[in-house]
């Protein structure tokens, strides 16, 4: 089973795991056993309610994990960015 990843702006699959979608977005939702339509994450169990369980700001990637409140499936959201507070 392969992990799936969708752009959170246009909703397209990110099949090549790029950091920037063709639409210009740097925001992605990823994981297993979920769908992403109309800017809404829905777990395959039918639930669309999640709680945040983890977040990590690891420049240039900001990651948050969410857990389905019904079946406990985990999905993640990532934003690629360059922090203005860190020198290269």
N, C-alpha and C. Protein backbone atom coordinates (compact mmCIF):
# COMPACT_ATOMS: atom_id res chain seq x y z
N UNK A 1 0.84 -1.18 0.00
CA UNK A 1 0.00 0.00 0.00
C UNK A 1 0.89 1.25 0.00
N UNK A 2 0.65 2.13 -0.94
CA UNK A 2 1.44 3.35 -1.04
C UNK A 2 0.74 4.53 -0.39
N UNK A 3 1.53 5.36 0.23
CA UNK A 3 1.02 6.60 0.82
C UNK A 3 0.56 7.51 -0.31
N UNK A 4 -0.52 8.25 -0.09
CA UNK A 4 -0.99 9.20 -1.09
C UNK A 4 -0.78 10.62 -0.57
N UNK A 5 -0.64 11.56 -1.51
CA UNK A 5 -0.42 12.94 -1.14
C UNK A 5 -1.18 13.84 -2.11
N UNK A 6 -1.93 14.80 -1.55
CA UNK A 6 -2.70 15.74 -2.35
C UNK A 6 -2.25 17.17 -2.07
N UNK A 7 -2.29 18.01 -3.10
CA UNK A 7 -2.10 19.44 -2.92
C UNK A 7 -3.33 19.98 -2.22
N UNK A 8 -3.15 20.80 -1.20
CA UNK A 8 -4.29 21.30 -0.43
C UNK A 8 -4.96 22.51 -1.09
N UNK A 9 -4.39 23.04 -2.16
CA UNK A 9 -5.00 24.15 -2.87
C UNK A 9 -5.83 23.66 -4.06
N UNK A 10 -5.20 22.93 -4.98
CA UNK A 10 -5.92 22.48 -6.18
C UNK A 10 -6.51 21.08 -6.04
N UNK A 11 -6.04 20.30 -5.06
CA UNK A 11 -6.57 18.96 -4.84
C UNK A 11 -5.96 17.88 -5.70
N UNK A 12 -4.97 18.22 -6.52
CA UNK A 12 -4.34 17.22 -7.38
C UNK A 12 -3.43 16.30 -6.58
N UNK A 13 -3.32 15.05 -7.04
CA UNK A 13 -2.37 14.12 -6.45
C UNK A 13 -0.95 14.60 -6.71
N UNK A 14 -0.10 14.49 -5.71
CA UNK A 14 1.31 14.82 -5.85
C UNK A 14 2.06 13.51 -6.04
N UNK A 15 2.00 12.96 -7.24
CA UNK A 15 2.55 11.64 -7.52
C UNK A 15 4.08 11.60 -7.45
N UNK A 16 4.73 12.70 -7.76
CA UNK A 16 6.19 12.70 -7.78
C UNK A 16 6.79 13.31 -6.52
N UNK A 17 5.95 13.57 -5.51
CA UNK A 17 6.40 14.09 -4.23
C UNK A 17 7.24 15.36 -4.39
N UNK A 18 6.72 16.29 -5.18
CA UNK A 18 7.40 17.56 -5.38
C UNK A 18 7.13 18.50 -4.22
N UNK A 19 7.98 19.50 -4.04
CA UNK A 19 7.81 20.46 -2.96
C UNK A 19 6.90 21.61 -3.34
N UNK A 20 6.70 21.80 -4.66
CA UNK A 20 5.80 22.84 -5.14
C UNK A 20 4.89 22.23 -6.20
N UNK A 21 3.59 22.36 -6.00
CA UNK A 21 2.61 21.84 -6.95
C UNK A 21 2.62 22.69 -8.22
N UNK A 22 2.10 22.15 -9.30
CA UNK A 22 1.98 22.91 -10.55
C UNK A 22 1.18 24.19 -10.36
N UNK A 23 0.26 24.20 -9.39
CA UNK A 23 -0.55 25.40 -9.14
C UNK A 23 0.20 26.45 -8.32
N UNK A 24 1.41 26.11 -7.83
CA UNK A 24 2.22 27.03 -7.04
C UNK A 24 2.14 26.80 -5.54
N UNK A 25 1.25 25.92 -5.11
CA UNK A 25 1.08 25.64 -3.68
C UNK A 25 2.26 24.86 -3.11
N UNK A 26 2.54 25.09 -1.84
CA UNK A 26 3.55 24.34 -1.10
C UNK A 26 2.91 23.61 0.09
N UNK A 27 1.60 23.41 0.04
CA UNK A 27 0.85 22.79 1.14
C UNK A 27 0.27 21.46 0.67
N UNK A 28 0.57 20.39 1.43
CA UNK A 28 0.16 19.05 1.05
C UNK A 28 -0.42 18.28 2.23
N UNK A 29 -1.36 17.39 1.95
CA UNK A 29 -1.89 16.45 2.94
C UNK A 29 -1.50 15.06 2.46
N UNK A 30 -1.04 14.21 3.39
CA UNK A 30 -0.55 12.89 2.99
C UNK A 30 -0.92 11.83 4.02
N UNK A 31 -0.86 10.60 3.61
CA UNK A 31 -1.13 9.49 4.51
C UNK A 31 -1.77 8.32 3.79
N UNK A 32 -2.49 7.52 4.55
CA UNK A 32 -3.16 6.32 4.06
C UNK A 32 -4.64 6.41 4.41
N UNK A 33 -5.46 5.73 3.65
CA UNK A 33 -6.87 5.52 3.98
C UNK A 33 -7.66 6.82 4.18
N UNK A 34 -7.52 7.75 3.23
CA UNK A 34 -8.30 8.98 3.29
C UNK A 34 -8.53 9.50 1.88
N UNK A 35 -9.46 10.43 1.76
CA UNK A 35 -9.68 11.14 0.51
C UNK A 35 -9.60 12.64 0.79
N UNK A 36 -9.31 13.40 -0.25
CA UNK A 36 -9.25 14.85 -0.14
C UNK A 36 -10.03 15.44 -1.30
N UNK A 37 -11.22 15.96 -1.01
CA UNK A 37 -12.05 16.58 -2.04
C UNK A 37 -12.66 17.85 -1.47
N UNK A 38 -12.81 18.85 -2.34
CA UNK A 38 -13.38 20.14 -1.95
C UNK A 38 -12.70 20.71 -0.71
N UNK A 39 -11.37 20.56 -0.65
CA UNK A 39 -10.54 21.06 0.46
C UNK A 39 -10.94 20.48 1.81
N UNK A 40 -11.44 19.23 1.78
CA UNK A 40 -11.85 18.53 3.00
C UNK A 40 -11.20 17.15 3.05
N UNK A 41 -10.59 16.83 4.19
CA UNK A 41 -10.03 15.51 4.42
C UNK A 41 -11.12 14.62 5.01
N UNK A 42 -11.29 13.44 4.42
CA UNK A 42 -12.27 12.50 4.94
C UNK A 42 -11.60 11.14 5.06
N UNK A 43 -11.63 10.59 6.25
CA UNK A 43 -11.06 9.27 6.51
C UNK A 43 -11.91 8.22 5.79
N UNK A 44 -11.28 7.10 5.41
CA UNK A 44 -12.02 6.03 4.74
C UNK A 44 -13.09 5.40 5.62
N UNK A 45 -13.05 5.64 6.93
CA UNK A 45 -14.09 5.14 7.83
C UNK A 45 -15.36 5.98 7.72
N UNK A 46 -15.29 7.11 6.97
CA UNK A 46 -16.43 7.99 6.79
C UNK A 46 -16.40 9.24 7.65
N UNK A 47 -15.46 9.33 8.56
CA UNK A 47 -15.37 10.47 9.48
C UNK A 47 -14.55 11.60 8.86
N UNK A 48 -14.92 12.84 9.18
CA UNK A 48 -14.14 13.99 8.72
C UNK A 48 -13.66 14.86 9.87
N UNK A 49 -13.61 14.29 11.08
CA UNK A 49 -13.13 15.01 12.25
C UNK A 49 -11.81 14.42 12.72
N UNK A 50 -10.82 15.31 12.90
CA UNK A 50 -9.48 14.91 13.30
C UNK A 50 -9.00 15.81 14.43
N UNK A 51 -8.07 15.28 15.23
CA UNK A 51 -7.42 16.09 16.26
C UNK A 51 -5.91 16.11 15.97
N UNK A 52 -5.28 17.27 16.20
CA UNK A 52 -3.85 17.36 15.98
C UNK A 52 -3.12 16.60 17.09
N UNK A 53 -2.17 15.75 16.70
CA UNK A 53 -1.42 14.95 17.66
C UNK A 53 0.06 15.29 17.70
N UNK A 54 0.53 16.04 16.68
CA UNK A 54 1.96 16.30 16.59
C UNK A 54 2.19 17.47 15.65
N UNK A 55 3.21 18.28 15.95
CA UNK A 55 3.66 19.28 14.99
C UNK A 55 5.16 19.46 15.13
N UNK A 56 5.80 19.76 14.01
CA UNK A 56 7.25 19.93 13.99
C UNK A 56 7.61 20.99 12.96
N UNK A 57 8.34 21.99 13.40
CA UNK A 57 8.84 23.02 12.50
C UNK A 57 10.31 22.71 12.25
N UNK A 58 10.58 22.07 11.13
CA UNK A 58 11.92 21.65 10.78
C UNK A 58 12.29 22.31 9.46
N UNK A 59 12.64 23.60 9.53
CA UNK A 59 12.91 24.41 8.35
C UNK A 59 13.64 23.59 7.28
N UNK A 60 13.15 23.47 6.08
CA UNK A 60 12.08 24.22 5.44
C UNK A 60 10.74 23.50 5.42
N UNK A 61 10.52 22.53 6.28
CA UNK A 61 9.25 21.80 6.28
C UNK A 61 8.55 21.96 7.62
N UNK A 62 7.28 22.38 7.57
CA UNK A 62 6.45 22.45 8.77
C UNK A 62 5.43 21.32 8.65
N UNK A 63 5.43 20.40 9.61
CA UNK A 63 4.59 19.20 9.56
C UNK A 63 3.64 19.16 10.74
N UNK A 64 2.39 18.78 10.47
CA UNK A 64 1.40 18.53 11.52
C UNK A 64 0.77 17.18 11.25
N UNK A 65 0.59 16.37 12.29
CA UNK A 65 -0.12 15.09 12.17
C UNK A 65 -1.47 15.20 12.84
N UNK A 66 -2.46 14.58 12.24
CA UNK A 66 -3.82 14.56 12.77
C UNK A 66 -4.31 13.14 12.85
N UNK A 67 -5.13 12.85 13.87
CA UNK A 67 -5.68 11.52 14.08
C UNK A 67 -7.20 11.56 13.94
N UNK A 68 -7.73 10.62 13.18
CA UNK A 68 -9.18 10.50 13.02
C UNK A 68 -9.80 10.23 14.40
N UNK A 69 -10.86 10.95 14.72
CA UNK A 69 -11.48 10.79 16.03
C UNK A 69 -12.30 9.50 16.12
N UNK A 70 -12.54 8.84 15.00
CA UNK A 70 -13.33 7.61 15.01
C UNK A 70 -12.45 6.36 14.98
N UNK A 71 -11.57 6.24 13.97
CA UNK A 71 -10.80 4.99 13.81
C UNK A 71 -9.33 5.14 14.17
N UNK A 72 -8.88 6.35 14.50
CA UNK A 72 -7.50 6.65 14.92
C UNK A 72 -6.50 6.64 13.77
N UNK A 73 -6.95 6.63 12.51
CA UNK A 73 -6.05 6.73 11.35
C UNK A 73 -5.29 8.06 11.43
N UNK A 74 -4.03 8.05 11.04
CA UNK A 74 -3.19 9.25 11.08
C UNK A 74 -2.99 9.80 9.66
N UNK A 75 -3.16 11.11 9.50
CA UNK A 75 -2.79 11.79 8.26
C UNK A 75 -1.85 12.93 8.64
N UNK A 76 -1.10 13.42 7.67
CA UNK A 76 -0.18 14.51 7.93
C UNK A 76 -0.40 15.66 6.96
N UNK A 77 0.03 16.83 7.37
CA UNK A 77 0.00 18.01 6.50
C UNK A 77 1.38 18.63 6.55
N UNK A 78 1.90 18.99 5.36
CA UNK A 78 3.22 19.60 5.27
C UNK A 78 3.16 20.88 4.47
N UNK A 79 3.93 21.85 4.93
CA UNK A 79 4.13 23.10 4.21
C UNK A 79 5.63 23.28 4.02
N UNK A 80 6.04 23.52 2.80
CA UNK A 80 7.44 23.80 2.50
C UNK A 80 7.63 25.30 2.46
N UNK A 81 8.61 25.81 3.19
CA UNK A 81 8.84 27.25 3.25
C UNK A 81 10.28 27.50 3.66
N UNK A 82 10.69 28.75 3.54
CA UNK A 82 11.99 29.16 4.02
C UNK A 82 11.76 30.16 5.16
N UNK A 83 12.22 29.84 6.34
CA UNK A 83 12.02 30.70 7.49
C UNK A 83 12.83 32.00 7.34
N UNK A 84 12.19 33.13 7.58
CA UNK A 84 12.93 34.41 7.51
C UNK A 84 13.83 34.61 8.73
N UNK A 85 13.72 33.74 9.74
CA UNK A 85 14.47 33.90 10.97
C UNK A 85 15.78 33.12 10.99
N UNK A 86 16.00 32.27 9.99
CA UNK A 86 17.20 31.45 9.98
C UNK A 86 18.10 31.86 8.83
N UNK A 87 19.37 31.99 9.11
CA UNK A 87 20.35 32.29 8.05
C UNK A 87 20.76 31.01 7.39
N UNK A 88 21.12 31.12 6.14
CA UNK A 88 21.61 29.93 5.43
C UNK A 88 23.10 29.83 5.56
